[in-house]
Structures are given as C-alpha cells and as structure tokens.
Amino acid sequence: MLVYLVEDNRLLRDSTAAMLEACAFTVVGAARTCDEALRNLERARPRIVLLEAGLNDGVQSVTRFREAAPEADVVVMNFLPSHERLVGFIRAGVAGFILKDATVNEIAGTLRRVVAGAPALPRALGGLLFSHVASQSASPARREAKTDAILTRREREVVELISDGLSNKEIADRLHVATHTVKSHMHAVLEKLGLRTRLEVAAYAHAQAG
C-alpha cells in the first residue's frame, strides 16, 4: 500500500515513515509542507495521503489534496479536534482520522480500513460527529428532508452495515451482491440523505438509532 506522509517535524516524519514501512506499507514520499507534497503527488501516485493536520489550514489542505489526487484517500492525524473542526474535515472529504496518541496497530488498522472502504474514525471522535448529525436532523428543514428521503429495504441494510464498520466488499459478501452494486446503493443513500461521506452515513445511522 503506497502512502505519502506530510509532517513538518523531521523526527516525527522519519519515525512515522519507519513505523509504516515496518507494517508493510510503502512510503512513496515524505514532505515537510503541503506545497512540497502537492508538487510530488503526481509522480508518487500514493493510495493514501497521511496528513498532519496542524500544518497551515488543515481543512483547506485536505481539499487541495482531494483536488490534486482524487484517486488517493486523505487520512488526517492530529490531536483531538473541536466539534466544528472535525465536521470541517469530514465535509472536506477525509477518509479517516488518527489521533496523535494512537498505537502503531491503530494507525496501521485505520489505513487498512480506509483502503477497504470502511469508515475509520476513532471512538473518541465518534460522539462529536454523531452529535453533529443528530443536531442537524433536529432542525425542521432537516427533519422534512429526512422524512422525504425514503430508503429502500436494501439501502437501509447497507446503511446499517456501514454503521457496523463494514467495508464495501464485506457488505457485498454479507448481502450476496457485487461490490459495484453496494457502491450504487451507497451513492443513492448519499443523494437521498443529503450527506457526502461514509463517515456521515455511519453517524446518521447511530443518531437515528439513538
């Protein structure tokens, strides 16, 4: 799995790169700044950009990476963010979030889950995102939109399995359908619920269940 690392602290950059290599990841680049990384992304062609979110405007950086390398997933690594900042990252299109005090196994597991297409949010951040989606659902406009968004039985099954943390392939195996069929259901769910990411779908499912 090809990873591009963006971290301004040289010691942390080198130690994180060594840790990733030890976990069977291939570090195809390591940059000190976002601008440096963006200049090299096309040549490196990473599967994941692991971004230390304290660099400049973290949310804006995610957007820039998503535009420059749409085939790559962006995973953010930082300390516990505020409610608003977490939502900003999710809206910008991050595929996962790693807390700075995460263990080696947690970091490697998050990256593998992202590649598998599963939601990858630490438990400590789940409540922040769930409460955001719940508060959105509580507004009259959002309630009306949700009421009008009638999901099919299969779409509801997909939402439930996403909230359980399953990847597209795992959902396909569970429902005995093709992976591309799951992706089609996922696209329909996002459209109907007015959401943008798998993490928001998972948060929506938990908020509704609560």
C-alpha atoms as a PDB file:
ATOM      1  CA  MET A   1       0.000   0.000   0.000  1.00  0.00           C
ATOM      2  CA  LEU A   2       1.516   3.301  -1.118  1.00  0.00           C
ATOM      3  CA  VAL A   3       1.487   6.125   1.451  1.00  0.00           C
ATOM      4  CA  TYR A   4       2.640   9.747   1.145  1.00  0.00           C
ATOM      5  CA  LEU A   5       3.424  11.332   4.507  1.00  0.00           C
ATOM      6  CA  VAL A   6       3.088  15.065   5.229  1.00  0.00           C
ATOM      7  CA  GLU A   7       4.601  16.118   8.580  1.00  0.00           C
ATOM      8  CA  ASP A   8       6.606  19.257   9.384  1.00  0.00           C
ATOM      9  CA  ASN A   9       8.529  17.748  12.309  1.00  0.00           C
ATOM     10  CA  ARG A  10      11.505  15.836  10.888  1.00  0.00           C
ATOM     11  CA  LEU A  11      11.809  13.453  13.839  1.00  0.00           C
ATOM     12  CA  LEU A  12       8.115  12.560  13.716  1.00  0.00           C
ATOM     13  CA  ARG A  13       8.223  12.331   9.928  1.00  0.00           C
ATOM     14  CA  ASP A  14      11.139   9.897   9.970  1.00  0.00           C
ATOM     15  CA  SER A  15       9.770   7.794  12.842  1.00  0.00           C
ATOM     16  CA  THR A  16       6.293   7.582  11.297  1.00  0.00           C
ATOM     17  CA  ALA A  17       7.774   6.577   7.938  1.00  0.00           C
ATOM     18  CA  ALA A  18       9.844   3.851   9.619  1.00  0.00           C
ATOM     19  CA  MET A  19       6.776   2.613  11.503  1.00  0.00           C
ATOM     20  CA  LEU A  20       4.728   2.443   8.299  1.00  0.00           C
ATOM     21  CA  GLU A  21       7.470   0.537   6.479  1.00  0.00           C
ATOM     22  CA  ALA A  22       7.657  -1.915   9.389  1.00  0.00           C
ATOM     23  CA  CYS A  23       3.909  -2.525   8.998  1.00  0.00           C
ATOM     24  CA  ALA A  24       4.296  -3.461   5.310  1.00  0.00           C
ATOM     25  CA  PHE A  25       3.298  -0.054   3.908  1.00  0.00           C
ATOM     26  CA  THR A  26       5.413   1.597   1.218  1.00  0.00           C
ATOM     27  CA  VAL A  27       6.209   5.248   1.888  1.00  0.00           C
ATOM     28  CA  VAL A  28       6.477   6.783  -1.587  1.00  0.00           C
ATOM     29  CA  GLY A  29       7.224  10.260  -0.285  1.00  0.00           C
ATOM     30  CA  ALA A  30       7.562  12.335   2.872  1.00  0.00           C
ATOM     31  CA  ALA A  31       7.187  16.101   2.761  1.00  0.00           C
ATOM     32  CA  ARG A  32       7.583  18.900   5.276  1.00  0.00           C
ATOM     33  CA  THR A  33       4.855  21.111   3.791  1.00  0.00           C
ATOM     34  CA  CYS A  34       1.648  20.669   1.833  1.00  0.00           C
ATOM     35  CA  ASP A  35       3.044  22.651  -1.093  1.00  0.00           C
ATOM     36  CA  GLU A  36       6.043  20.322  -1.302  1.00  0.00           C
ATOM     37  CA  ALA A  37       3.781  17.266  -1.200  1.00  0.00           C
ATOM     38  CA  LEU A  38       1.452  18.650  -3.859  1.00  0.00           C
ATOM     39  CA  ARG A  39       4.383  19.156  -6.238  1.00  0.00           C
ATOM     40  CA  ASN A  40       5.278  15.459  -5.954  1.00  0.00           C
ATOM     41  CA  LEU A  41       1.886  13.736  -5.775  1.00  0.00           C
ATOM     42  CA  GLU A  42       1.530  13.098  -9.499  1.00  0.00           C
ATOM     43  CA  ARG A  43       4.883  11.328  -9.620  1.00  0.00           C
ATOM     44  CA  ALA A  44       4.396   9.425  -6.348  1.00  0.00           C
ATOM     45  CA  ARG A  45       0.805   8.300  -7.072  1.00  0.00           C
ATOM     46  CA  PRO A  46       0.025   7.285  -3.453  1.00  0.00           C
ATOM     47  CA  ARG A  47      -3.027   5.326  -2.369  1.00  0.00           C
ATOM     48  CA  ILE A  48      -3.190   7.298   0.883  1.00  0.00           C
ATOM     49  CA  VAL A  49      -2.013  10.763   1.899  1.00  0.00           C
ATOM     50  CA  LEU A  50      -1.334  10.789   5.644  1.00  0.00           C
ATOM     51  CA  LEU A  51      -1.574  14.444   6.657  1.00  0.00           C
ATOM     52  CA  GLU A  52      -0.550  16.011   9.952  1.00  0.00           C
ATOM     53  CA  ALA A  53      -3.470  18.412  10.309  1.00  0.00           C
ATOM     54  CA  GLY A  54      -1.610  21.077  12.259  1.00  0.00           C
ATOM     55  CA  LEU A  55       0.009  22.260   9.034  1.00  0.00           C
ATOM     56  CA  ASN A  56      -1.406  25.601   7.889  1.00  0.00           C
ATOM     57  CA  ASP A  57      -5.167  25.291   7.440  1.00  0.00           C
ATOM     58  CA  GLY A  58      -5.758  21.563   7.808  1.00  0.00           C
ATOM     59  CA  VAL A  59      -9.235  21.585   6.275  1.00  0.00           C
ATOM     60  CA  GLN A  60      -8.096  23.625   3.281  1.00  0.00           C
ATOM     61  CA  SER A  61      -5.141  21.269   2.846  1.00  0.00           C
ATOM     62  CA  VAL A  62      -7.475  18.270   2.686  1.00  0.00           C
ATOM     63  CA  THR A  63      -9.448  19.986  -0.077  1.00  0.00           C
ATOM     64  CA  ARG A  64      -6.261  20.700  -2.034  1.00  0.00           C
ATOM     65  CA  PHE A  65      -5.088  17.104  -1.802  1.00  0.00           C
ATOM     66  CA  ARG A  66      -8.509  15.779  -2.813  1.00  0.00           C
ATOM     67  CA  GLU A  67      -8.459  18.011  -5.896  1.00  0.00           C
ATOM     68  CA  ALA A  68      -4.850  17.206  -6.814  1.00  0.00           C
ATOM     69  CA  ALA A  69      -5.110  13.444  -6.295  1.00  0.00           C
ATOM     70  CA  PRO A  70      -8.770  12.333  -6.360  1.00  0.00           C
ATOM     71  CA  GLU A  71      -7.715   8.691  -6.580  1.00  0.00           C
ATOM     72  CA  ALA A  72      -5.975   8.935  -3.180  1.00  0.00           C
ATOM     73  CA  ASP A  73      -7.680   8.880   0.212  1.00  0.00           C
ATOM     74  CA  VAL A  74      -6.651  11.537   2.731  1.00  0.00           C
ATOM     75  CA  VAL A  75      -6.230  10.453   6.338  1.00  0.00           C
ATOM     76  CA  VAL A  76      -5.717  13.186   8.935  1.00  0.00           C
ATOM     77  CA  MET A  77      -3.536  12.740  12.004  1.00  0.00           C
ATOM     78  CA  ASN A  78      -3.730  15.222  14.881  1.00  0.00           C
ATOM     79  CA  PHE A  79      -4.805  15.757  18.462  1.00  0.00           C
ATOM     80  CA  LEU A  80      -8.493  15.716  19.440  1.00  0.00           C
ATOM     81  CA  PRO A  81     -10.134  18.401  17.260  1.00  0.00           C
ATOM     82  CA  SER A  82     -13.030  20.652  18.131  1.00  0.00           C
ATOM     83  CA  HIS A  83     -16.567  19.728  17.069  1.00  0.00           C
ATOM     84  CA  GLU A  84     -16.561  22.292  14.255  1.00  0.00           C
ATOM     85  CA  ARG A  85     -13.079  21.357  13.024  1.00  0.00           C
ATOM     86  CA  LEU A  86     -13.942  17.649  12.866  1.00  0.00           C
ATOM     87  CA  VAL A  87     -17.058  18.379  10.820  1.00  0.00           C
ATOM     88  CA  GLY A  88     -14.954  20.598   8.542  1.00  0.00           C
ATOM     89  CA  PHE A  89     -12.554  17.730   7.900  1.00  0.00           C
ATOM     90  CA  ILE A  90     -15.411  15.339   7.138  1.00  0.00           C
ATOM     91  CA  ARG A  91     -17.029  17.835   4.756  1.00  0.00           C
ATOM     92  CA  ALA A  92     -13.673  18.325   3.019  1.00  0.00           C
ATOM     93  CA  GLY A  93     -13.621  14.611   2.251  1.00  0.00           C
ATOM     94  CA  VAL A  94     -11.212  12.933   4.671  1.00  0.00           C
ATOM     95  CA  ALA A  95     -11.438   9.146   4.635  1.00  0.00           C
ATOM     96  CA  GLY A  96     -10.207   8.675   8.179  1.00  0.00           C
ATOM     97  CA  PHE A  97      -8.800  10.341  11.275  1.00  0.00           C
ATOM     98  CA  ILE A  98      -5.959   9.185  13.534  1.00  0.00           C
ATOM     99  CA  LEU A  99      -5.299  10.686  16.947  1.00  0.00           C
ATOM    100  CA  LYS A 100      -1.683  11.621  17.698  1.00  0.00           C
ATOM    101  CA  ASP A 101      -1.567   9.218  20.668  1.00  0.00           C
ATOM    102  CA  ALA A 102      -2.693   6.234  18.568  1.00  0.00           C
ATOM    103  CA  THR A 103      -0.730   2.994  18.796  1.00  0.00           C
ATOM    104  CA  VAL A 104       1.129   1.502  15.848  1.00  0.00           C
ATOM    105  CA  ASN A 105      -1.598  -1.123  15.449  1.00  0.00           C
ATOM    106  CA  GLU A 106      -4.311   1.553  15.500  1.00  0.00           C
ATOM    107  CA  ILE A 107      -2.551   3.600  12.821  1.00  0.00           C
ATOM    108  CA  ALA A 108      -1.969   0.578  10.572  1.00  0.00           C
ATOM    109  CA  GLY A 109      -5.528  -0.653  11.159  1.00  0.00           C
ATOM    110  CA  THR A 110      -7.027   2.713  10.238  1.00  0.00           C
ATOM    111  CA  LEU A 111      -5.099   2.898   6.977  1.00  0.00           C
ATOM    112  CA  ARG A 112      -6.116  -0.648   6.034  1.00  0.00           C
ATOM    113  CA  ARG A 113      -9.767   0.078   6.817  1.00  0.00           C
ATOM    114  CA  VAL A 114      -9.680   3.182   4.638  1.00  0.00           C
ATOM    115  CA  VAL A 115      -8.287   1.223   1.699  1.00  0.00           C
ATOM    116  CA  ALA A 116     -11.000  -1.403   2.247  1.00  0.00           C
ATOM    117  CA  GLY A 117     -13.647   1.346   2.050  1.00  0.00           C
ATOM    118  CA  ALA A 118     -14.755   1.214   5.685  1.00  0.00           C
ATOM    119  CA  PRO A 119     -15.402   4.200   7.991  1.00  0.00           C
ATOM    120  CA  ALA A 120     -12.278   4.962  10.033  1.00  0.00           C
ATOM    121  CA  LEU A 121     -13.000   7.277  12.936  1.00  0.00           C
ATOM    122  CA  PRO A 122     -11.578   6.785  16.456  1.00  0.00           C
ATOM    123  CA  ARG A 123     -14.163   6.045  19.132  1.00  0.00           C
ATOM    124  CA  ALA A 124     -13.174   9.275  20.898  1.00  0.00           C
ATOM    125  CA  LEU A 125     -14.346  11.267  17.875  1.00  0.00           C
ATOM    126  CA  GLY A 126     -17.497   9.294  17.133  1.00  0.00           C
ATOM    127  CA  GLY A 127     -19.601  11.141  19.666  1.00  0.00           C
ATOM    128  CA  LEU A 128     -18.650  14.531  18.216  1.00  0.00           C
ATOM    129  CA  LEU A 129     -19.701  13.562  14.708  1.00  0.00           C
ATOM    130  CA  PHE A 130     -22.813  11.694  15.836  1.00  0.00           C
ATOM    131  CA  SER A 131     -24.000  14.691  17.849  1.00  0.00           C
ATOM    132  CA  HIS A 132     -23.450  16.966  14.853  1.00  0.00           C
ATOM    133  CA  VAL A 133     -25.587  14.808  12.575  1.00  0.00           C
ATOM    134  CA  ALA A 134     -28.203  14.427  15.293  1.00  0.00           C
ATOM    135  CA  SER A 135     -28.410  18.203  15.767  1.00  0.00           C
ATOM    136  CA  GLN A 136     -28.785  18.673  12.008  1.00  0.00           C
ATOM    137  CA  SER A 137     -31.588  16.135  11.963  1.00  0.00           C
ATOM    138  CA  ALA A 138     -33.321  18.022  14.756  1.00  0.00           C
ATOM    139  CA  SER A 139     -33.900  21.156  12.690  1.00  0.00           C
ATOM    140  CA  PRO A 140     -37.307  21.422  10.935  1.00  0.00           C
ATOM    141  CA  ALA A 141     -35.714  21.687   7.483  1.00  0.00           C
ATOM    142  CA  ARG A 142     -33.526  18.639   8.028  1.00  0.00           C
ATOM    143  CA  ARG A 143     -36.412  16.637   9.534  1.00  0.00           C
ATOM    144  CA  GLU A 144     -38.509  17.351   6.463  1.00  0.00           C
ATOM    145  CA  ALA A 145     -35.648  16.350   4.167  1.00  0.00           C
ATOM    146  CA  LYS A 146     -35.100  13.114   6.088  1.00  0.00           C
ATOM    147  CA  THR A 147     -38.822  12.336   6.027  1.00  0.00           C
ATOM    148  CA  ASP A 148     -38.884  12.731   2.267  1.00  0.00           C
ATOM    149  CA  ALA A 149     -35.779  10.571   1.864  1.00  0.00           C
ATOM    150  CA  ILE A 150     -37.379   7.128   1.769  1.00  0.00           C
ATOM    151  CA  LEU A 151     -34.688   4.476   1.627  1.00  0.00           C
ATOM    152  CA  THR A 152     -35.360   1.105   0.074  1.00  0.00           C
ATOM    153  CA  ARG A 153     -35.011  -2.030   2.197  1.00  0.00           C
ATOM    154  CA  ARG A 154     -31.652  -2.785   0.609  1.00  0.00           C
ATOM    155  CA  GLU A 155     -30.428   0.773   1.140  1.00  0.00           C
ATOM    156  CA  ARG A 156     -31.374   0.539   4.819  1.00  0.00           C
ATOM    157  CA  GLU A 157     -29.412  -2.705   5.069  1.00  0.00           C
ATOM    158  CA  VAL A 158     -26.381  -1.027   3.522  1.00  0.00           C
ATOM    159  CA  VAL A 159     -26.645   1.904   5.965  1.00  0.00           C
ATOM    160  CA  GLU A 160     -26.859  -0.483   8.914  1.00  0.00           C
ATOM    161  CA  LEU A 161     -23.796  -2.424   7.784  1.00  0.00           C
ATOM    162  CA  ILE A 162     -21.841   0.793   7.179  1.00  0.00           C
ATOM    163  CA  SER A 163     -22.656   1.858  10.735  1.00  0.00           C
ATOM    164  CA  ASP A 164     -21.240  -1.500  11.883  1.00  0.00           C
ATOM    165  CA  GLY A 165     -17.964  -0.546  10.221  1.00  0.00           C
ATOM    166  CA  LEU A 166     -18.058  -2.935   7.265  1.00  0.00           C
ATOM    167  CA  SER A 167     -16.238  -2.180   4.013  1.00  0.00           C
ATOM    168  CA  ASN A 168     -17.899  -2.338   0.579  1.00  0.00           C
ATOM    169  CA  LYS A 169     -16.504  -5.822  -0.022  1.00  0.00           C
ATOM    170  CA  GLU A 170     -17.663  -7.052   3.381  1.00  0.00           C
ATOM    171  CA  ILE A 171     -21.134  -5.615   2.742  1.00  0.00           C
ATOM    172  CA  ALA A 172     -21.220  -7.249  -0.686  1.00  0.00           C
ATOM    173  CA  ASP A 173     -20.283 -10.613   0.842  1.00  0.00           C
ATOM    174  CA  ARG A 174     -22.882 -10.234   3.588  1.00  0.00           C
ATOM    175  CA  LEU A 175     -25.678  -9.326   1.155  1.00  0.00           C
ATOM    176  CA  HIS A 176     -24.501 -11.733  -1.592  1.00  0.00           C
ATOM    177  CA  VAL A 177     -24.252  -8.988  -4.210  1.00  0.00           C
ATOM    178  CA  ALA A 178     -21.451  -7.497  -6.314  1.00  0.00           C
ATOM    179  CA  THR A 179     -19.248  -4.757  -4.870  1.00  0.00           C
ATOM    180  CA  HIS A 180     -20.320  -2.324  -7.595  1.00  0.00           C
ATOM    181  CA  THR A 181     -23.945  -2.910  -6.532  1.00  0.00           C
ATOM    182  CA  VAL A 182     -23.063  -1.832  -2.993  1.00  0.00           C
ATOM    183  CA  LYS A 183     -21.400   1.299  -4.390  1.00  0.00           C
ATOM    184  CA  SER A 184     -24.584   2.092  -6.327  1.00  0.00           C
ATOM    185  CA  HIS A 185     -26.684   1.735  -3.177  1.00  0.00           C
ATOM    186  CA  MET A 186     -24.176   3.900  -1.319  1.00  0.00           C
ATOM    187  CA  HIS A 187     -24.445   6.642  -3.946  1.00  0.00           C
ATOM    188  CA  ALA A 188     -28.252   6.550  -3.686  1.00  0.00           C
ATOM    189  CA  VAL A 189     -28.109   6.771   0.111  1.00  0.00           C
ATOM    190  CA  LEU A 190     -25.816   9.808  -0.003  1.00  0.00           C
ATOM    191  CA  GLU A 191     -28.107  11.525  -2.507  1.00  0.00           C
ATOM    192  CA  LYS A 192     -31.295  10.821  -0.551  1.00  0.00           C
ATOM    193  CA  LEU A 193     -29.899  11.799   2.847  1.00  0.00           C
ATOM    194  CA  GLY A 194     -28.028  14.850   1.607  1.00  0.00           C
ATOM    195  CA  LEU A 195     -24.755  13.533   3.030  1.00  0.00           C
ATOM    196  CA  ARG A 196     -21.296  13.381   1.474  1.00  0.00           C
ATOM    197  CA  THR A 197     -19.212  10.664   3.100  1.00  0.00           C
ATOM    198  CA  ARG A 198     -19.388   7.174   4.618  1.00  0.00           C
ATOM    199  CA  LEU A 199     -18.483   8.655   7.990  1.00  0.00           C
ATOM    200  CA  GLU A 200     -21.558  10.884   7.848  1.00  0.00           C
ATOM    201  CA  VAL A 201     -23.728   7.910   6.881  1.00  0.00           C
ATOM    202  CA  ALA A 202     -22.392   5.957   9.865  1.00  0.00           C
ATOM    203  CA  ALA A 203     -23.014   8.959  12.133  1.00  0.00           C
ATOM    204  CA  TYR A 204     -26.542   9.370  10.728  1.00  0.00           C
ATOM    205  CA  ALA A 205     -27.339   5.717  11.422  1.00  0.00           C
ATOM    206  CA  HIS A 206     -26.118   5.977  15.013  1.00  0.00           C
ATOM    207  CA  ALA A 207     -28.008   9.249  15.552  1.00  0.00           C
ATOM    208  CA  GLN A 208     -31.238   7.721  14.235  1.00  0.00           C
ATOM    209  CA  ALA A 209     -30.793   4.627  16.401  1.00  0.00           C
ATOM    210  CA  GLY A 210     -30.254   6.818  19.451  1.00  0.00           C
END
